[in-house]
N, C-alpha and C. Protein backbone atom coordinates (compact mmCIF):
# COMPACT_ATOMS: atom_id res chain seq x y z
N MET A 1 1.82 -51.55 -32.19
CA MET A 1 1.53 -50.91 -33.26
C MET A 1 1.98 -52.14 -34.50
N LYS A 2 2.63 -53.32 -33.71
CA LYS A 2 2.56 -55.00 -34.15
C LYS A 2 2.41 -55.78 -34.61
N ASN A 3 1.32 -55.42 -33.64
CA ASN A 3 0.06 -56.58 -33.39
C ASN A 3 -0.63 -55.87 -34.48
N ILE A 4 -0.79 -54.38 -34.73
CA ILE A 4 -1.41 -53.77 -35.36
C ILE A 4 -1.85 -54.75 -36.78
N ILE A 5 -0.25 -54.45 -37.47
CA ILE A 5 0.28 -54.61 -38.71
C ILE A 5 0.91 -56.44 -39.02
N LYS A 6 0.72 -57.00 -37.86
CA LYS A 6 0.11 -58.76 -38.27
C LYS A 6 -0.94 -58.85 -38.46
N PHE A 7 -2.19 -58.20 -37.81
CA PHE A 7 -3.70 -58.33 -37.53
C PHE A 7 -3.92 -58.00 -38.68
N LEU A 8 -3.24 -57.40 -39.20
CA LEU A 8 -4.09 -56.22 -41.13
C LEU A 8 -3.61 -57.41 -42.04
N LEU A 9 -2.13 -58.21 -42.03
CA LEU A 9 -1.80 -58.86 -42.70
C LEU A 9 -3.29 -60.54 -42.65
N THR A 10 -2.71 -60.10 -41.37
CA THR A 10 -4.25 -61.71 -41.14
C THR A 10 -5.16 -61.64 -42.21
N VAL A 11 -5.72 -60.76 -41.70
CA VAL A 11 -7.25 -60.04 -42.31
C VAL A 11 -7.75 -60.35 -43.89
N ALA A 12 -6.11 -59.36 -44.30
CA ALA A 12 -5.88 -60.26 -46.14
C ALA A 12 -5.15 -61.04 -46.43
N LEU A 13 -4.64 -62.10 -45.72
CA LEU A 13 -4.41 -63.35 -45.91
C LEU A 13 -5.90 -64.33 -45.89
N LEU A 14 -6.76 -64.60 -44.85
CA LEU A 14 -7.50 -64.37 -44.37
C LEU A 14 -8.46 -64.47 -45.76
N SER A 15 -8.90 -62.58 -46.06
CA SER A 15 -9.89 -62.93 -47.66
C SER A 15 -9.54 -62.81 -48.73
N ALA A 16 -8.14 -63.33 -49.10
CA ALA A 16 -7.31 -63.62 -50.44
C ALA A 16 -7.76 -65.04 -50.09
N PHE A 17 -8.36 -66.02 -49.20
CA PHE A 17 -7.69 -67.59 -49.25
C PHE A 17 -9.39 -67.57 -48.68
N GLN A 18 -10.38 -66.82 -48.24
CA GLN A 18 -11.88 -67.23 -47.94
C GLN A 18 -12.79 -67.74 -48.95
N THR A 19 -12.35 -67.38 -50.15
CA THR A 19 -13.07 -68.09 -51.55
C THR A 19 -12.93 -69.53 -51.51
N SER A 20 -11.92 -69.50 -51.63
CA SER A 20 -11.32 -70.53 -52.24
C SER A 20 -11.15 -72.29 -50.72
N TYR A 21 -10.76 -71.62 -49.92
CA TYR A 21 -10.18 -72.43 -48.73
C TYR A 21 -12.34 -72.86 -48.29
N ALA A 22 -12.73 -71.83 -48.19
CA ALA A 22 -14.41 -71.73 -47.32
C ALA A 22 -14.64 -72.89 -47.58
N GLU A 23 -14.88 -73.21 -48.83
CA GLU A 23 -15.87 -74.76 -49.50
C GLU A 23 -15.39 -76.40 -48.50
N LYS A 24 -13.49 -76.19 -48.20
CA LYS A 24 -12.96 -77.11 -48.44
C LYS A 24 -12.64 -77.23 -47.39
N PRO A 25 -14.03 -77.73 -46.21
CA PRO A 25 -12.54 -77.88 -44.67
C PRO A 25 -11.72 -79.18 -44.33
N ASN A 26 -11.16 -78.84 -43.99
CA ASN A 26 -9.45 -79.86 -43.83
C ASN A 26 -8.79 -80.04 -44.79
N VAL A 27 -8.63 -78.55 -45.46
CA VAL A 27 -7.90 -79.36 -46.51
C VAL A 27 -6.33 -77.57 -46.39
N TRP A 28 -5.56 -77.41 -45.63
CA TRP A 28 -4.68 -77.05 -46.02
C TRP A 28 -4.74 -76.36 -47.34
N VAL A 29 -4.54 -74.52 -47.21
CA VAL A 29 -3.71 -73.66 -48.50
C VAL A 29 -3.07 -72.59 -47.42
N SER A 30 -1.52 -72.21 -48.26
CA SER A 30 -0.92 -71.15 -47.53
C SER A 30 -0.63 -70.13 -48.82
N GLY A 31 -0.20 -69.09 -48.58
CA GLY A 31 0.32 -67.54 -48.48
C GLY A 31 1.17 -67.08 -48.50
N THR A 32 1.55 -66.44 -49.62
CA THR A 32 3.00 -64.90 -49.06
C THR A 32 2.23 -64.01 -49.33
N GLY A 33 2.78 -62.97 -48.32
CA GLY A 33 2.54 -61.18 -48.04
C GLY A 33 3.41 -60.86 -47.33
N GLN A 34 4.31 -59.69 -47.95
CA GLN A 34 5.11 -59.05 -47.07
C GLN A 34 6.10 -59.82 -45.95
N GLY A 35 6.61 -60.94 -45.74
CA GLY A 35 8.07 -61.77 -46.10
C GLY A 35 7.44 -62.23 -45.10
N PHE A 36 5.93 -62.84 -44.46
CA PHE A 36 5.00 -63.92 -43.99
C PHE A 36 4.43 -65.07 -45.42
N THR A 37 4.77 -66.81 -44.31
CA THR A 37 3.88 -67.37 -45.23
C THR A 37 2.95 -67.67 -44.16
N ALA A 38 1.71 -67.99 -44.83
CA ALA A 38 0.58 -67.87 -43.78
C ALA A 38 0.22 -69.49 -43.79
N TYR A 39 -0.15 -70.55 -43.30
CA TYR A 39 -0.58 -72.27 -43.33
C TYR A 39 -1.91 -72.28 -42.85
N ILE A 40 -3.11 -71.48 -43.35
CA ILE A 40 -5.01 -72.02 -42.54
C ILE A 40 -4.82 -73.34 -43.62
N ILE A 41 -6.46 -73.48 -42.35
CA ILE A 41 -6.80 -74.52 -42.43
C ILE A 41 -7.96 -74.22 -41.49
N ARG A 42 -8.95 -74.76 -42.22
CA ARG A 42 -10.71 -74.80 -41.71
C ARG A 42 -12.14 -75.98 -41.68
N ASN A 43 -12.35 -76.16 -40.43
CA ASN A 43 -13.09 -77.11 -40.55
C ASN A 43 -14.31 -76.81 -39.02
N SER A 44 -15.24 -76.83 -39.04
CA SER A 44 -16.55 -76.43 -38.24
C SER A 44 -16.12 -74.88 -38.45
N GLY A 45 -16.62 -74.40 -39.08
CA GLY A 45 -16.43 -72.89 -39.27
C GLY A 45 -15.50 -72.57 -38.03
N ILE A 46 -13.98 -73.30 -37.74
CA ILE A 46 -13.31 -72.73 -37.00
C ILE A 46 -12.04 -72.53 -38.32
N THR A 47 -11.18 -71.60 -38.19
CA THR A 47 -10.47 -70.98 -38.53
C THR A 47 -8.70 -71.31 -37.95
N VAL A 48 -8.08 -72.14 -38.22
CA VAL A 48 -6.11 -71.61 -37.24
C VAL A 48 -5.26 -70.97 -39.00
N ASP A 49 -4.92 -69.95 -38.21
CA ASP A 49 -3.68 -69.36 -39.02
C ASP A 49 -3.22 -69.57 -38.59
N ILE A 50 -1.72 -70.04 -39.05
CA ILE A 50 0.06 -70.05 -38.25
C ILE A 50 0.18 -69.19 -39.10
N SER A 51 0.84 -68.19 -39.08
CA SER A 51 1.78 -66.96 -39.81
C SER A 51 3.38 -66.73 -39.64
N CYS A 52 4.34 -67.79 -40.74
CA CYS A 52 5.75 -67.79 -39.73
C CYS A 52 5.84 -66.16 -40.39
N ASN A 53 7.00 -65.63 -40.18
CA ASN A 53 7.63 -64.61 -41.02
C ASN A 53 9.67 -65.25 -41.09
N TYR A 54 9.82 -65.67 -42.41
CA TYR A 54 10.51 -66.24 -43.08
C TYR A 54 11.43 -64.91 -43.73
N ALA A 55 10.86 -63.37 -44.39
CA ALA A 55 11.31 -62.75 -44.87
C ALA A 55 11.21 -61.12 -44.98
N SER A 56 10.55 -61.28 -42.96
CA SER A 56 9.87 -59.68 -43.16
C SER A 56 11.12 -58.64 -42.51
N MET A 57 10.36 -58.37 -41.35
CA MET A 57 11.06 -57.17 -40.49
C MET A 57 11.39 -59.08 -39.35
N PRO A 58 13.46 -58.47 -38.42
CA PRO A 58 13.45 -59.59 -37.62
C PRO A 58 13.08 -58.89 -35.94
N SER A 59 11.87 -58.06 -36.34
CA SER A 59 11.61 -57.62 -35.26
C SER A 59 10.23 -58.55 -35.15
N TYR A 60 8.87 -58.75 -35.72
CA TYR A 60 8.08 -59.47 -36.48
C TYR A 60 8.04 -60.68 -36.14
N ASP A 61 6.91 -61.34 -34.90
CA ASP A 61 7.60 -62.70 -34.72
C ASP A 61 6.45 -63.46 -35.80
N HIS A 62 5.96 -64.61 -35.68
CA HIS A 62 5.17 -65.44 -36.41
C HIS A 62 4.05 -65.72 -35.39
N SER A 63 2.73 -65.61 -36.40
CA SER A 63 1.55 -65.95 -35.30
C SER A 63 0.39 -67.09 -35.24
N ILE A 64 -0.22 -67.10 -33.56
CA ILE A 64 -1.38 -67.88 -34.64
C ILE A 64 -2.57 -67.23 -33.95
N ILE A 65 -3.44 -67.25 -35.09
CA ILE A 65 -4.78 -66.53 -34.86
C ILE A 65 -5.83 -67.54 -35.24
N ILE A 66 -7.05 -67.98 -34.90
CA ILE A 66 -8.26 -68.56 -35.49
C ILE A 66 -9.50 -67.37 -34.35
N SER A 67 -9.82 -68.24 -35.78
CA SER A 67 -10.68 -67.25 -36.12
C SER A 67 -12.23 -68.09 -36.52
N ARG A 68 -13.04 -67.50 -36.19
CA ARG A 68 -14.28 -68.24 -36.94
C ARG A 68 -15.21 -66.91 -38.20
N TYR A 69 -15.32 -68.38 -38.57
CA TYR A 69 -15.94 -67.20 -40.90
C TYR A 69 -17.18 -67.56 -40.06
N ASN A 70 -18.11 -66.31 -40.64
CA ASN A 70 -19.69 -65.91 -40.44
C ASN A 70 -19.70 -66.22 -41.94
N PRO A 71 -20.52 -66.83 -42.54
CA PRO A 71 -20.75 -67.70 -43.88
C PRO A 71 -21.82 -66.33 -43.86
N LYS A 72 -22.11 -65.22 -43.71
CA LYS A 72 -23.33 -65.06 -43.89
C LYS A 72 -22.52 -62.58 -43.90
N THR A 73 -21.65 -63.13 -42.89
CA THR A 73 -21.08 -61.73 -43.74
C THR A 73 -19.11 -61.37 -44.18
N ARG A 74 -19.14 -62.57 -44.41
CA ARG A 74 -18.11 -63.48 -44.92
C ARG A 74 -17.12 -63.00 -43.93
N ASN A 75 -16.72 -62.20 -43.34
CA ASN A 75 -15.90 -62.41 -42.37
C ASN A 75 -15.30 -63.06 -41.36
N ALA A 76 -13.62 -62.63 -40.81
CA ALA A 76 -13.54 -64.05 -40.04
C ALA A 76 -13.51 -63.38 -37.99
N GLU A 77 -13.62 -63.75 -38.06
CA GLU A 77 -13.38 -63.00 -36.15
C GLU A 77 -12.96 -63.63 -35.39
N GLU A 78 -11.83 -62.96 -34.97
CA GLU A 78 -10.59 -63.84 -34.36
C GLU A 78 -11.59 -63.79 -33.05
N ILE A 79 -11.04 -65.11 -32.08
CA ILE A 79 -11.49 -65.64 -31.51
C ILE A 79 -11.04 -66.18 -30.37
N PHE A 80 -9.47 -65.69 -30.86
CA PHE A 80 -8.55 -66.36 -29.44
C PHE A 80 -6.80 -66.21 -30.67
N THR A 81 -5.67 -65.50 -29.76
CA THR A 81 -4.90 -65.82 -30.29
C THR A 81 -3.75 -65.60 -29.29
N PHE A 82 -2.55 -66.56 -29.61
CA PHE A 82 -1.75 -67.09 -29.26
C PHE A 82 -0.47 -66.86 -28.49
N ALA A 83 -0.67 -65.52 -28.71
CA ALA A 83 -0.22 -64.51 -28.31
C ALA A 83 0.33 -64.46 -26.50
N ASP A 84 1.68 -64.65 -25.86
CA ASP A 84 1.45 -64.90 -24.57
C ASP A 84 1.16 -65.65 -23.97
N ASN A 85 0.40 -66.80 -24.37
CA ASN A 85 -0.38 -68.24 -24.19
C ASN A 85 0.15 -68.51 -23.61
N ARG A 86 -0.50 -68.94 -22.32
CA ARG A 86 -0.60 -69.30 -21.20
C ARG A 86 -0.84 -70.50 -20.89
N GLY A 87 -1.18 -70.93 -21.90
CA GLY A 87 -1.33 -72.70 -21.60
C GLY A 87 -3.30 -72.94 -21.57
N ASP A 88 -3.67 -71.20 -21.72
CA ASP A 88 -4.79 -71.54 -22.46
C ASP A 88 -5.95 -71.85 -23.90
N GLY A 89 -4.65 -71.82 -24.70
CA GLY A 89 -4.79 -72.75 -26.19
C GLY A 89 -3.77 -73.79 -26.00
N GLU A 90 -4.28 -74.62 -26.37
CA GLU A 90 -3.51 -76.11 -27.00
C GLU A 90 -4.34 -76.72 -27.78
N PHE A 91 -3.06 -77.40 -28.79
CA PHE A 91 -3.19 -78.08 -29.66
C PHE A 91 -3.22 -80.16 -29.53
N VAL A 92 -4.04 -80.77 -29.76
CA VAL A 92 -3.13 -81.88 -29.38
C VAL A 92 -3.36 -82.67 -30.90
N ILE A 93 -1.66 -83.09 -30.81
CA ILE A 93 -1.47 -83.24 -32.40
C ILE A 93 -0.98 -85.11 -32.25
N ASP A 94 -1.93 -85.51 -33.13
CA ASP A 94 -1.28 -87.17 -32.83
C ASP A 94 -1.67 -87.77 -31.40
N GLY A 95 -2.65 -87.44 -30.42
CA GLY A 95 -2.71 -87.70 -29.05
C GLY A 95 -1.38 -87.11 -28.23
N ILE A 96 -0.93 -86.37 -28.52
CA ILE A 96 0.49 -85.65 -27.57
C ILE A 96 -0.13 -83.52 -27.76
N SER A 97 0.11 -83.39 -26.66
CA SER A 97 -0.26 -81.86 -26.77
C SER A 97 0.75 -80.80 -26.31
N TYR A 98 0.07 -79.09 -27.11
CA TYR A 98 1.35 -78.32 -27.62
C TYR A 98 0.75 -77.35 -27.11
N TYR A 99 1.79 -76.09 -26.36
CA TYR A 99 1.06 -75.15 -26.00
C TYR A 99 2.17 -73.99 -26.53
N PRO A 100 1.74 -73.95 -28.23
CA PRO A 100 2.66 -72.87 -29.02
C PRO A 100 2.78 -71.59 -28.08
N SER A 101 3.38 -70.75 -28.10
CA SER A 101 3.78 -69.54 -27.66
C SER A 101 3.96 -67.94 -28.38
N THR A 102 3.51 -66.91 -28.48
CA THR A 102 4.46 -66.14 -29.63
C THR A 102 4.47 -64.54 -28.37
N PRO A 103 5.56 -64.20 -28.12
CA PRO A 103 6.40 -64.72 -29.21
C PRO A 103 7.48 -65.44 -28.68
N THR A 104 8.77 -66.25 -29.84
CA THR A 104 9.38 -67.24 -29.30
C THR A 104 10.85 -66.82 -29.75
N ASP A 105 11.22 -65.70 -28.66
CA ASP A 105 11.73 -65.86 -28.32
C ASP A 105 12.95 -65.89 -26.76
N THR A 106 12.59 -66.90 -26.60
CA THR A 106 12.72 -67.16 -25.13
C THR A 106 13.23 -68.33 -25.16
N ASN A 107 13.95 -69.37 -24.65
CA ASN A 107 13.95 -70.85 -24.31
C ASN A 107 13.62 -71.42 -24.50
N PHE A 108 12.32 -70.97 -23.56
CA PHE A 108 11.48 -72.68 -24.21
C PHE A 108 9.96 -71.89 -24.75
N SER A 109 9.74 -70.90 -25.59
CA SER A 109 9.10 -71.43 -26.26
C SER A 109 9.44 -71.35 -27.39
N SER A 110 10.59 -70.84 -27.67
CA SER A 110 11.10 -72.03 -28.72
C SER A 110 11.26 -71.96 -29.16
N GLY A 111 11.74 -73.70 -28.13
CA GLY A 111 11.79 -74.94 -27.94
C GLY A 111 10.75 -76.07 -28.15
N GLU A 112 9.82 -74.93 -27.56
CA GLU A 112 7.71 -75.08 -27.78
C GLU A 112 7.02 -74.60 -29.27
N TRP A 113 7.54 -73.83 -30.25
CA TRP A 113 7.28 -73.69 -31.64
C TRP A 113 7.60 -74.93 -32.10
N ARG A 114 9.23 -75.20 -31.35
CA ARG A 114 9.96 -75.99 -32.86
C ARG A 114 9.58 -77.46 -33.09
N ARG A 115 9.04 -78.01 -32.00
CA ARG A 115 8.52 -79.36 -30.98
C ARG A 115 6.92 -78.24 -32.03
N PHE A 116 5.82 -77.58 -31.69
CA PHE A 116 5.30 -77.84 -32.62
C PHE A 116 4.09 -77.03 -34.34
N THR A 117 5.61 -76.86 -34.28
CA THR A 117 6.06 -76.79 -36.49
C THR A 117 6.15 -78.11 -37.14
N THR A 118 7.02 -78.84 -36.06
CA THR A 118 7.09 -79.79 -36.76
C THR A 118 6.22 -81.10 -36.07
N ALA A 119 5.31 -81.11 -34.84
CA ALA A 119 4.63 -82.10 -35.11
C ALA A 119 3.15 -81.74 -35.87
N MET A 120 3.37 -80.24 -36.40
CA MET A 120 2.05 -80.30 -37.12
C MET A 120 2.35 -79.63 -38.78
N SER A 121 3.40 -80.51 -39.07
CA SER A 121 3.74 -80.27 -39.93
C SER A 121 3.36 -81.75 -40.85
N LYS A 122 3.04 -82.78 -39.84
CA LYS A 122 2.97 -84.56 -40.03
C LYS A 122 1.96 -84.46 -39.55
N ALA A 123 0.62 -83.35 -38.90
CA ALA A 123 -0.12 -83.45 -38.16
C ALA A 123 -1.30 -85.29 -39.73
N LYS A 124 -1.51 -85.66 -38.96
CA LYS A 124 -2.56 -86.01 -39.59
C LYS A 124 -3.88 -86.02 -39.15
N LYS A 125 -4.08 -85.71 -37.09
CA LYS A 125 -5.36 -85.29 -36.77
C LYS A 125 -4.91 -84.21 -36.33
N PHE A 126 -5.34 -83.23 -34.74
CA PHE A 126 -5.44 -82.22 -34.32
C PHE A 126 -6.63 -81.89 -33.76
N GLU A 127 -6.72 -82.10 -32.80
CA GLU A 127 -7.49 -81.10 -31.84
C GLU A 127 -7.41 -79.93 -31.64
N LEU A 128 -8.55 -79.01 -31.48
CA LEU A 128 -7.79 -77.57 -30.86
C LEU A 128 -8.47 -76.91 -29.88
N LYS A 129 -7.54 -77.33 -28.82
CA LYS A 129 -8.49 -76.79 -27.38
C LYS A 129 -8.49 -74.60 -26.81
N ILE A 130 -9.21 -74.85 -26.13
CA ILE A 130 -9.02 -73.30 -26.08
C ILE A 130 -9.92 -73.34 -24.34
N LYS A 131 -9.00 -73.06 -23.47
CA LYS A 131 -9.41 -72.79 -22.02
C LYS A 131 -10.03 -74.24 -21.85
N GLU A 132 -9.16 -75.57 -22.27
CA GLU A 132 -10.00 -76.71 -21.77
C GLU A 132 -10.95 -76.84 -22.59
N LYS A 133 -11.57 -76.73 -23.37
CA LYS A 133 -12.54 -76.79 -24.16
C LYS A 133 -12.24 -77.04 -25.49
N THR A 134 -12.86 -78.60 -26.00
CA THR A 134 -12.50 -78.89 -28.09
C THR A 134 -13.39 -76.98 -28.49
N VAL A 135 -12.64 -76.47 -29.28
CA VAL A 135 -13.25 -75.99 -30.17
C VAL A 135 -13.32 -76.18 -31.31
N ALA A 136 -12.74 -77.04 -32.44
CA ALA A 136 -12.78 -77.89 -33.42
C ALA A 136 -11.88 -79.40 -33.55
N VAL A 137 -11.61 -80.25 -34.39
CA VAL A 137 -11.18 -81.38 -34.31
C VAL A 137 -11.56 -81.44 -36.15
N PHE A 138 -9.93 -81.44 -35.96
CA PHE A 138 -9.21 -81.44 -38.21
C PHE A 138 -8.20 -83.15 -37.81
N THR A 139 -9.10 -83.10 -39.18
CA THR A 139 -8.47 -84.27 -39.87
C THR A 139 -8.08 -83.82 -41.08
N PRO A 140 -6.47 -82.83 -41.28
CA PRO A 140 -6.31 -82.37 -42.25
C PRO A 140 -5.97 -83.91 -44.17
N THR A 141 -6.36 -83.46 -44.69
CA THR A 141 -5.82 -84.19 -46.36
C THR A 141 -4.45 -84.65 -46.31
N PRO A 142 -3.78 -85.82 -46.68
CA PRO A 142 -3.41 -86.36 -46.38
C PRO A 142 -1.89 -84.87 -47.83
N LYS A 143 -3.11 -85.42 -49.21
CA LYS A 143 -1.80 -84.30 -50.55
C LYS A 143 -1.72 -83.30 -49.74
N SER A 144 -2.58 -82.74 -48.76
CA SER A 144 -2.44 -81.38 -47.99
C SER A 144 -1.38 -80.96 -48.01
N VAL A 145 -1.30 -82.22 -46.58
CA VAL A 145 -0.76 -81.94 -45.55
C VAL A 145 0.84 -82.02 -46.63
N LYS A 146 1.08 -82.42 -47.79
CA LYS A 146 2.35 -83.43 -48.47
C LYS A 146 3.07 -82.22 -48.81
N ASP A 147 1.91 -81.65 -49.61
CA ASP A 147 2.14 -80.23 -50.77
C ASP A 147 2.57 -78.93 -49.59
N ILE A 148 1.11 -78.79 -48.26
CA ILE A 148 1.44 -77.59 -47.87
C ILE A 148 1.62 -77.98 -46.47
N ALA A 149 1.49 -78.29 -45.88
CA ALA A 149 1.74 -78.17 -44.31
C ALA A 149 3.90 -78.89 -43.66
N SER A 150 3.20 -79.44 -44.65
CA SER A 150 4.98 -80.16 -44.50
C SER A 150 6.45 -78.83 -44.83
N ASP A 151 5.64 -77.85 -45.23
CA ASP A 151 6.27 -76.81 -45.17
C ASP A 151 6.71 -75.63 -43.80
N MET A 152 5.84 -76.46 -43.57
CA MET A 152 5.76 -75.52 -41.63
C MET A 152 7.24 -75.87 -41.39
N LYS A 153 7.33 -76.98 -41.07
CA LYS A 153 8.58 -77.58 -40.08
C LYS A 153 10.05 -76.32 -40.79
N GLN A 154 9.67 -76.33 -41.60
CA GLN A 154 10.98 -74.96 -41.99
C GLN A 154 10.16 -73.35 -40.86
N CYS A 155 9.36 -73.20 -39.91
CA CYS A 155 8.79 -72.54 -39.38
C CYS A 155 10.43 -71.91 -38.65
N GLU A 156 10.91 -71.66 -38.62
CA GLU A 156 12.52 -71.85 -37.21
C GLU A 156 11.39 -70.48 -36.01
N ASP A 157 11.79 -70.63 -34.65
CA ASP A 157 11.62 -70.06 -33.71
C ASP A 157 12.84 -68.49 -34.45
N MET A 158 11.85 -67.11 -33.34
CA MET A 158 12.68 -66.25 -33.82
C MET A 158 14.39 -66.42 -33.49
N ILE A 159 14.87 -66.38 -32.19
CA ILE A 159 15.99 -67.28 -31.73
C ILE A 159 16.91 -67.43 -33.00
N THR A 160 16.24 -68.39 -33.04
CA THR A 160 17.20 -69.43 -34.56
C THR A 160 17.14 -68.01 -35.84
N LEU A 161 16.47 -67.06 -36.41
CA LEU A 161 16.01 -66.90 -37.78
C LEU A 161 16.50 -65.06 -37.26
N ARG A 162 17.02 -64.62 -36.32
CA ARG A 162 17.90 -63.73 -35.16
C ARG A 162 19.39 -64.08 -35.47
N ASN A 163 19.02 -65.34 -35.62
CA ASN A 163 20.82 -65.42 -35.31
C ASN A 163 21.32 -65.95 -36.88
N THR A 164 20.65 -65.89 -37.44
CA THR A 164 20.92 -67.26 -39.13
C THR A 164 20.39 -66.03 -39.76
N ILE A 165 18.97 -66.35 -40.70
CA ILE A 165 19.09 -65.20 -41.94
C ILE A 165 18.80 -64.06 -41.40
N PHE A 166 18.51 -63.05 -40.17
CA PHE A 166 18.10 -61.87 -39.95
C PHE A 166 18.94 -61.19 -39.56
N ARG A 167 19.83 -61.93 -39.25
CA ARG A 167 21.81 -61.12 -38.44
C ARG A 167 21.60 -59.21 -38.08
N GLU A 168 21.74 -59.53 -37.49
CA GLU A 168 20.65 -57.32 -37.72
C GLU A 168 22.34 -56.99 -36.72
């Protein structure tokens, strides 16, 4: 059920941004909805959607969904998710590999999440690999990194969030 809710939220956020970001490759955009902030970037028909739980229910985790945009149907088709990533999904950010995974409620996944969001928040270039194959290369515009992506470093892992703002 959690995955369905997250998927519907992601689809809604992607739909809201399709017209604005579809024509602007390598530009970060963001939007909020139901306690999540989505950071979205597109290049070569591939979309990276990093959704951060800032103020939703504490049982919902962050997500990273990779989709391919079909301009004919105006739909985004999911091709990979970093849920329980076992090394099949990789970001090479400024020459360093990251293997983020959700949920982010274990020591390993929370540490990797912090490393990933910190690096992504200032990335000049990153490569997305799925099963060791390069799917897309992104060179975010400096302005979109400064104005949008730089906030991503505040996307804390769920262990930290549950111990601070989500105290149950």
